[in-house]
Protein backbone atom coordinates (compact mmCIF):
# COMPACT_ATOMS: atom_id res chain seq x y z
CA MET A 1 10.94 32.49 14.57
CA LYS A 2 7.70 30.95 15.88
CA LYS A 3 6.65 30.09 12.35
CA PHE A 4 9.97 28.28 11.78
CA LEU A 5 9.62 26.27 15.00
CA LYS A 6 6.03 25.33 14.12
CA LYS A 7 7.12 24.07 10.68
CA THR A 8 10.01 22.17 12.26
CA LYS A 9 7.62 20.38 14.66
CA ASN A 10 5.33 19.44 11.76
CA ASN A 11 8.28 18.16 9.76
CA MET A 12 9.44 16.05 12.71
CA VAL A 13 5.98 14.47 13.04
CA GLU A 14 5.88 13.74 9.32
CA PHE A 15 9.42 12.29 9.40
CA ALA A 16 8.51 10.09 12.38
CA SER A 17 5.42 8.91 10.48
CA LEU A 18 7.59 8.05 7.50
CA ILE A 19 10.05 6.05 9.61
CA GLY A 20 7.16 4.33 11.39
CA GLY A 21 5.62 3.50 8.02
CA VAL A 22 8.83 1.90 6.78
CA ILE A 23 9.14 -0.18 9.96
CA ILE A 24 5.51 -1.29 9.78
CA TYR A 25 5.95 -2.11 6.08
CA LYS A 26 8.84 -4.40 6.95
CA LEU A 27 6.79 -6.04 9.70
CA VAL A 28 3.35 -6.43 8.13
CA GLY A 29 3.69 -5.60 4.42
CA LEU A 30 1.64 -3.53 2.04
CA MET A 31 -1.52 -3.56 4.15
CA GLY A 32 0.43 -1.81 6.90
CA ILE A 33 1.36 0.98 4.49
CA VAL A 34 -2.31 1.46 3.63
CA ALA A 35 -3.10 1.66 7.34
CA ILE A 36 -0.34 4.27 7.78
CA GLY A 37 -1.92 6.25 4.94
CA ILE A 38 -5.31 6.11 6.64
CA GLY A 39 -3.84 7.21 9.96
CA TYR A 40 -1.84 10.02 8.35
CA GLY A 41 -4.92 11.22 6.50
CA ILE A 42 -6.87 11.36 9.75
CA TYR A 43 -4.01 13.22 11.43
CA ILE A 44 -3.80 15.84 8.65
CA PHE A 45 -7.59 16.26 8.52
CA LEU A 46 -7.92 16.84 12.27
CA TYR A 47 -4.81 19.04 12.49
CA LYS A 48 -6.19 21.32 9.76
CA LYS A 49 -9.42 21.55 11.78
CA LYS A 50 -7.30 23.27 14.47
CA LEU A 51 -7.45 20.43 16.99
CA SER A 52 -4.46 19.91 19.23
CA LYS A 53 -1.50 17.92 17.95
CA ILE A 54 -1.90 15.25 20.65
CA ILE A 55 -5.53 14.61 19.75
CA SER A 56 -4.67 14.55 16.04
CA ILE A 57 -1.79 12.09 16.49
CA THR A 58 -3.77 9.84 18.83
CA SER A 59 -6.76 9.78 16.49
CA GLY A 60 -4.46 9.00 13.55
CA ILE A 61 -2.89 6.08 15.40
CA ILE A 62 -6.27 4.66 16.44
CA GLY A 63 -7.68 5.18 12.94
CA GLY A 64 -4.67 3.46 11.39
CA ILE A 65 -5.01 0.45 13.67
CA ILE A 66 -8.75 0.16 12.99
CA GLY A 67 -8.10 0.59 9.27
CA TYR A 68 -5.48 -2.15 9.37
CA PHE A 69 -7.88 -4.62 10.95
CA ILE A 70 -10.60 -3.72 8.45
CA ILE A 71 -8.18 -4.30 5.56
CA ILE A 72 -7.02 -7.62 7.04
CA THR A 73 -10.64 -8.74 7.52
CA ILE A 74 -11.53 -7.89 3.91
CA TYR A 75 -8.39 -9.63 2.65
CA PHE A 76 -8.96 -12.86 4.56
CA ASN A 77 -12.66 -12.96 3.68
CA ASN A 78 -11.78 -12.72 -0.02
CA ILE A 79 -9.19 -15.52 0.20
CA ASN A 80 -11.68 -18.07 1.52
C-alpha cells in the first residue's frame, strides 16, 4: 500500500508539472517549455539522489526560472 501511495504522489507531481508546462507554453512559448524541461530534469536528478521532495521541487523551480532567463538572454543577444 505504501508503494502505491508513493507512486501516486510522484504521478501527481509529474501531472502538475505537465499542466504547468502547458500553461507556461501558452504564456511564454517554446522557450518556456525548454525551461520546464530544465526544471524537471533538476527535480528528477535530485529526487533520485534521495533528497526530500520539497527540496527537489524548489530546486527544479529555481533552476527552470534561471534556465529561462539564460535562454532569453541568448536569444535576444543573437537577434541583435
